[in-house]
């Protein structure tokens, strides 16, 4: 009677866990961003590497400057056709005697390349060189070769 009531009210470990996780599961289920099935199963829907080209739109994937995020307009990202026209136009206007080292400097990708180089590539390279120097100094100290 009274004992049987207490037994029926005792929850299994699994039921306790379900109750404890209920708020997390609810929030995750109703607020987590939804992905369509193709994003999960097809490679061309995955995040793109910088400067690769979207297969349908022909738009170039550019790094986004976080400090100017509000100014980013995905519709203004250049397409392959736009880049080709910019290269042709640059060569036609060559009389300006503009010096460029790389083809991308002739296009609207110049700003994106420079941002990527300054905010990502250069810091990574500096960090690698610093680590190499530290390793060299460490091995030189062990050998006593200063």
C-alpha atoms as a PDB file:
ATOM      1  CA  UNK A   1       0.000   0.000   0.000  1.00  0.00           C
ATOM      2  CA  UNK A   2       2.157   2.916   1.228  1.00  0.00           C
ATOM      3  CA  UNK A   3       5.359   1.063   0.267  1.00  0.00           C
ATOM      4  CA  UNK A   4       4.004   0.220  -3.164  1.00  0.00           C
ATOM      5  CA  UNK A   5       3.290   3.936  -3.764  1.00  0.00           C
ATOM      6  CA  UNK A   6       6.905   4.827  -3.020  1.00  0.00           C
ATOM      7  CA  UNK A   7       8.201   2.144  -5.372  1.00  0.00           C
ATOM      8  CA  UNK A   8       6.038   3.333  -8.237  1.00  0.00           C
ATOM      9  CA  UNK A   9       7.227   6.941  -7.770  1.00  0.00           C
ATOM     10  CA  UNK A  10      10.918   6.035  -7.916  1.00  0.00           C
ATOM     11  CA  UNK A  11      12.320   6.826 -11.358  1.00  0.00           C
ATOM     12  CA  UNK A  12      14.803   4.729 -13.217  1.00  0.00           C
ATOM     13  CA  UNK A  13      18.191   6.239 -14.011  1.00  0.00           C
ATOM     14  CA  UNK A  14      17.155   6.523 -17.653  1.00  0.00           C
ATOM     15  CA  UNK A  15      13.965   8.399 -16.761  1.00  0.00           C
ATOM     16  CA  UNK A  16      15.910  10.742 -14.459  1.00  0.00           C
ATOM     17  CA  UNK A  17      18.373  11.435 -17.249  1.00  0.00           C
ATOM     18  CA  UNK A  18      15.538  12.136 -19.698  1.00  0.00           C
ATOM     19  CA  UNK A  19      14.007  14.637 -17.286  1.00  0.00           C
ATOM     20  CA  UNK A  20      17.349  16.338 -16.651  1.00  0.00           C
ATOM     21  CA  UNK A  21      18.115  16.594 -20.361  1.00  0.00           C
ATOM     22  CA  UNK A  22      14.618  17.660 -21.366  1.00  0.00           C
ATOM     23  CA  UNK A  23      15.340  21.441 -21.339  1.00  0.00           C
ATOM     24  CA  UNK A  24      18.520  20.988 -23.398  1.00  0.00           C
ATOM     25  CA  UNK A  25      16.828  18.699 -25.907  1.00  0.00           C
ATOM     26  CA  UNK A  26      13.876  21.077 -26.213  1.00  0.00           C
ATOM     27  CA  UNK A  27      16.069  24.122 -26.840  1.00  0.00           C
ATOM     28  CA  UNK A  28      18.236  22.212 -29.305  1.00  0.00           C
ATOM     29  CA  UNK A  29      15.226  20.837 -31.169  1.00  0.00           C
ATOM     30  CA  UNK A  30      13.402  24.146 -31.562  1.00  0.00           C
ATOM     31  CA  UNK A  31      16.144  26.739 -31.800  1.00  0.00           C
ATOM     32  CA  UNK A  32      19.168  25.081 -33.427  1.00  0.00           C
ATOM     33  CA  UNK A  33      19.580  26.088 -37.094  1.00  0.00           C
ATOM     34  CA  UNK A  34      17.997  23.651 -39.474  1.00  0.00           C
ATOM     35  CA  UNK A  35      20.040  22.230 -42.334  1.00  0.00           C
ATOM     36  CA  UNK A  36      18.462  20.834 -45.420  1.00  0.00           C
ATOM     37  CA  UNK A  37      19.335  17.227 -46.169  1.00  0.00           C
ATOM     38  CA  UNK A  38      21.564  18.100 -49.152  1.00  0.00           C
ATOM     39  CA  UNK A  39      23.849  20.188 -46.943  1.00  0.00           C
ATOM     40  CA  UNK A  40      24.572  17.103 -44.898  1.00  0.00           C
ATOM     41  CA  UNK A  41      25.057  14.572 -47.660  1.00  0.00           C
ATOM     42  CA  UNK A  42      26.491  16.396 -50.690  1.00  0.00           C
ATOM     43  CA  UNK A  43      30.024  17.786 -50.776  1.00  0.00           C
ATOM     44  CA  UNK A  44      29.243  20.758 -53.004  1.00  0.00           C
ATOM     45  CA  UNK A  45      26.952  22.114 -50.264  1.00  0.00           C
ATOM     46  CA  UNK A  46      29.692  22.232 -47.664  1.00  0.00           C
ATOM     47  CA  UNK A  47      31.392  25.447 -46.631  1.00  0.00           C
ATOM     48  CA  UNK A  48      33.631  26.695 -49.368  1.00  0.00           C
ATOM     49  CA  UNK A  49      37.338  27.395 -49.206  1.00  0.00           C
ATOM     50  CA  UNK A  50      38.412  30.956 -49.880  1.00  0.00           C
ATOM     51  CA  UNK A  51      38.468  31.845 -53.571  1.00  0.00           C
ATOM     52  CA  UNK A  52      36.795  28.688 -54.834  1.00  0.00           C
ATOM     53  CA  UNK A  53      33.862  29.119 -57.224  1.00  0.00           C
ATOM     54  CA  UNK A  54      30.250  28.213 -56.511  1.00  0.00           C
ATOM     55  CA  UNK A  55      29.214  25.670 -59.161  1.00  0.00           C
ATOM     56  CA  UNK A  56      25.793  27.188 -59.954  1.00  0.00           C
ATOM     57  CA  UNK A  57      26.222  30.937 -59.463  1.00  0.00           C
ATOM     58  CA  UNK A  58      29.853  31.220 -60.564  1.00  0.00           C
ATOM     59  CA  UNK A  59      30.453  33.539 -57.594  1.00  0.00           C
ATOM     60  CA  UNK A  60      33.844  33.441 -55.950  1.00  0.00           C
ATOM     61  CA  UNK A  61      33.912  32.568 -52.262  1.00  0.00           C
ATOM     62  CA  UNK A  62      35.611  35.465 -50.486  1.00  0.00           C
ATOM     63  CA  UNK A  63      36.653  35.837 -46.850  1.00  0.00           C
ATOM     64  CA  UNK A  64      34.371  38.197 -44.954  1.00  0.00           C
ATOM     65  CA  UNK A  65      35.874  41.017 -42.932  1.00  0.00           C
ATOM     66  CA  UNK A  66      34.222  40.612 -39.534  1.00  0.00           C
ATOM     67  CA  UNK A  67      34.817  44.293 -38.730  1.00  0.00           C
ATOM     68  CA  UNK A  68      32.751  45.300 -41.782  1.00  0.00           C
ATOM     69  CA  UNK A  69      30.188  42.512 -41.650  1.00  0.00           C
ATOM     70  CA  UNK A  70      27.225  44.890 -42.001  1.00  0.00           C
ATOM     71  CA  UNK A  71      28.676  46.148 -45.295  1.00  0.00           C
ATOM     72  CA  UNK A  72      29.017  42.678 -46.844  1.00  0.00           C
ATOM     73  CA  UNK A  73      26.639  42.079 -49.739  1.00  0.00           C
ATOM     74  CA  UNK A  74      26.805  38.552 -51.187  1.00  0.00           C
ATOM     75  CA  UNK A  75      25.290  39.840 -54.436  1.00  0.00           C
ATOM     76  CA  UNK A  76      28.366  42.016 -54.997  1.00  0.00           C
ATOM     77  CA  UNK A  77      30.788  39.096 -54.822  1.00  0.00           C
ATOM     78  CA  UNK A  78      32.406  38.782 -58.263  1.00  0.00           C
ATOM     79  CA  UNK A  79      31.596  35.974 -60.668  1.00  0.00           C
ATOM     80  CA  UNK A  80      34.022  34.366 -63.073  1.00  0.00           C
ATOM     81  CA  UNK A  81      32.523  36.407 -65.909  1.00  0.00           C
ATOM     82  CA  UNK A  82      33.013  39.653 -64.003  1.00  0.00           C
ATOM     83  CA  UNK A  83      36.626  38.729 -63.214  1.00  0.00           C
ATOM     84  CA  UNK A  84      37.292  37.851 -66.847  1.00  0.00           C
ATOM     85  CA  UNK A  85      35.886  41.215 -67.952  1.00  0.00           C
ATOM     86  CA  UNK A  86      37.973  43.039 -65.329  1.00  0.00           C
ATOM     87  CA  UNK A  87      41.141  41.346 -66.601  1.00  0.00           C
ATOM     88  CA  UNK A  88      40.293  42.239 -70.191  1.00  0.00           C
ATOM     89  CA  UNK A  89      39.519  45.839 -69.226  1.00  0.00           C
ATOM     90  CA  UNK A  90      42.720  46.164 -67.235  1.00  0.00           C
ATOM     91  CA  UNK A  91      44.759  44.988 -70.212  1.00  0.00           C
ATOM     92  CA  UNK A  92      42.952  47.459 -72.507  1.00  0.00           C
ATOM     93  CA  UNK A  93      43.684  50.302 -70.073  1.00  0.00           C
ATOM     94  CA  UNK A  94      47.305  49.195 -69.737  1.00  0.00           C
ATOM     95  CA  UNK A  95      48.453  52.627 -70.904  1.00  0.00           C
ATOM     96  CA  UNK A  96      48.103  53.701 -67.258  1.00  0.00           C
ATOM     97  CA  UNK A  97      51.412  51.904 -66.586  1.00  0.00           C
ATOM     98  CA  UNK A  98      49.989  50.340 -63.444  1.00  0.00           C
ATOM     99  CA  UNK A  99      52.424  47.890 -61.946  1.00  0.00           C
ATOM    100  CA  UNK A 100      51.001  44.611 -60.673  1.00  0.00           C
ATOM    101  CA  UNK A 101      52.755  41.470 -59.552  1.00  0.00           C
ATOM    102  CA  UNK A 102      49.767  39.106 -59.688  1.00  0.00           C
ATOM    103  CA  UNK A 103      46.704  38.734 -61.902  1.00  0.00           C
ATOM    104  CA  UNK A 104      44.329  39.031 -58.936  1.00  0.00           C
ATOM    105  CA  UNK A 105      45.595  42.569 -58.349  1.00  0.00           C
ATOM    106  CA  UNK A 106      43.881  43.532 -61.616  1.00  0.00           C
ATOM    107  CA  UNK A 107      40.445  42.498 -60.332  1.00  0.00           C
ATOM    108  CA  UNK A 108      37.841  43.255 -57.703  1.00  0.00           C
ATOM    109  CA  UNK A 109      39.303  40.328 -55.717  1.00  0.00           C
ATOM    110  CA  UNK A 110      42.289  42.508 -54.779  1.00  0.00           C
ATOM    111  CA  UNK A 111      40.732  43.715 -51.519  1.00  0.00           C
ATOM    112  CA  UNK A 112      39.641  40.187 -50.533  1.00  0.00           C
ATOM    113  CA  UNK A 113      43.068  38.705 -51.312  1.00  0.00           C
ATOM    114  CA  UNK A 114      44.839  41.404 -49.319  1.00  0.00           C
ATOM    115  CA  UNK A 115      42.468  40.954 -46.390  1.00  0.00           C
ATOM    116  CA  UNK A 116      43.012  37.176 -46.435  1.00  0.00           C
ATOM    117  CA  UNK A 117      46.758  37.627 -46.718  1.00  0.00           C
ATOM    118  CA  UNK A 118      46.990  40.210 -43.920  1.00  0.00           C
ATOM    119  CA  UNK A 119      44.510  38.662 -41.489  1.00  0.00           C
ATOM    120  CA  UNK A 120      45.248  34.977 -42.033  1.00  0.00           C
ATOM    121  CA  UNK A 121      48.212  33.967 -44.170  1.00  0.00           C
ATOM    122  CA  UNK A 122      50.798  36.403 -42.802  1.00  0.00           C
ATOM    123  CA  UNK A 123      50.008  35.657 -39.124  1.00  0.00           C
ATOM    124  CA  UNK A 124      50.105  31.894 -39.805  1.00  0.00           C
ATOM    125  CA  UNK A 125      53.457  32.229 -41.583  1.00  0.00           C
ATOM    126  CA  UNK A 126      54.878  34.358 -38.750  1.00  0.00           C
ATOM    127  CA  UNK A 127      53.713  31.791 -36.207  1.00  0.00           C
ATOM    128  CA  UNK A 128      55.310  28.937 -38.181  1.00  0.00           C
ATOM    129  CA  UNK A 129      58.595  30.837 -38.462  1.00  0.00           C
ATOM    130  CA  UNK A 130      58.514  31.628 -34.742  1.00  0.00           C
ATOM    131  CA  UNK A 131      57.990  27.943 -33.917  1.00  0.00           C
ATOM    132  CA  UNK A 132      60.827  26.912 -36.262  1.00  0.00           C
ATOM    133  CA  UNK A 133      63.136  29.471 -34.647  1.00  0.00           C
ATOM    134  CA  UNK A 134      62.192  28.260 -31.149  1.00  0.00           C
ATOM    135  CA  UNK A 135      62.847  24.638 -32.158  1.00  0.00           C
ATOM    136  CA  UNK A 136      66.185  25.593 -33.702  1.00  0.00           C
ATOM    137  CA  UNK A 137      67.209  27.537 -30.585  1.00  0.00           C
ATOM    138  CA  UNK A 138      66.087  24.676 -28.349  1.00  0.00           C
ATOM    139  CA  UNK A 139      68.105  22.106 -30.323  1.00  0.00           C
ATOM    140  CA  UNK A 140      71.092  24.476 -30.486  1.00  0.00           C
ATOM    141  CA  UNK A 141      70.961  24.923 -26.715  1.00  0.00           C
ATOM    142  CA  UNK A 142      70.923  21.147 -26.187  1.00  0.00           C
ATOM    143  CA  UNK A 143      73.953  20.677 -28.449  1.00  0.00           C
ATOM    144  CA  UNK A 144      75.621  23.833 -27.156  1.00  0.00           C
ATOM    145  CA  UNK A 145      75.874  25.247 -30.668  1.00  0.00           C
ATOM    146  CA  UNK A 146      75.230  28.953 -30.213  1.00  0.00           C
END
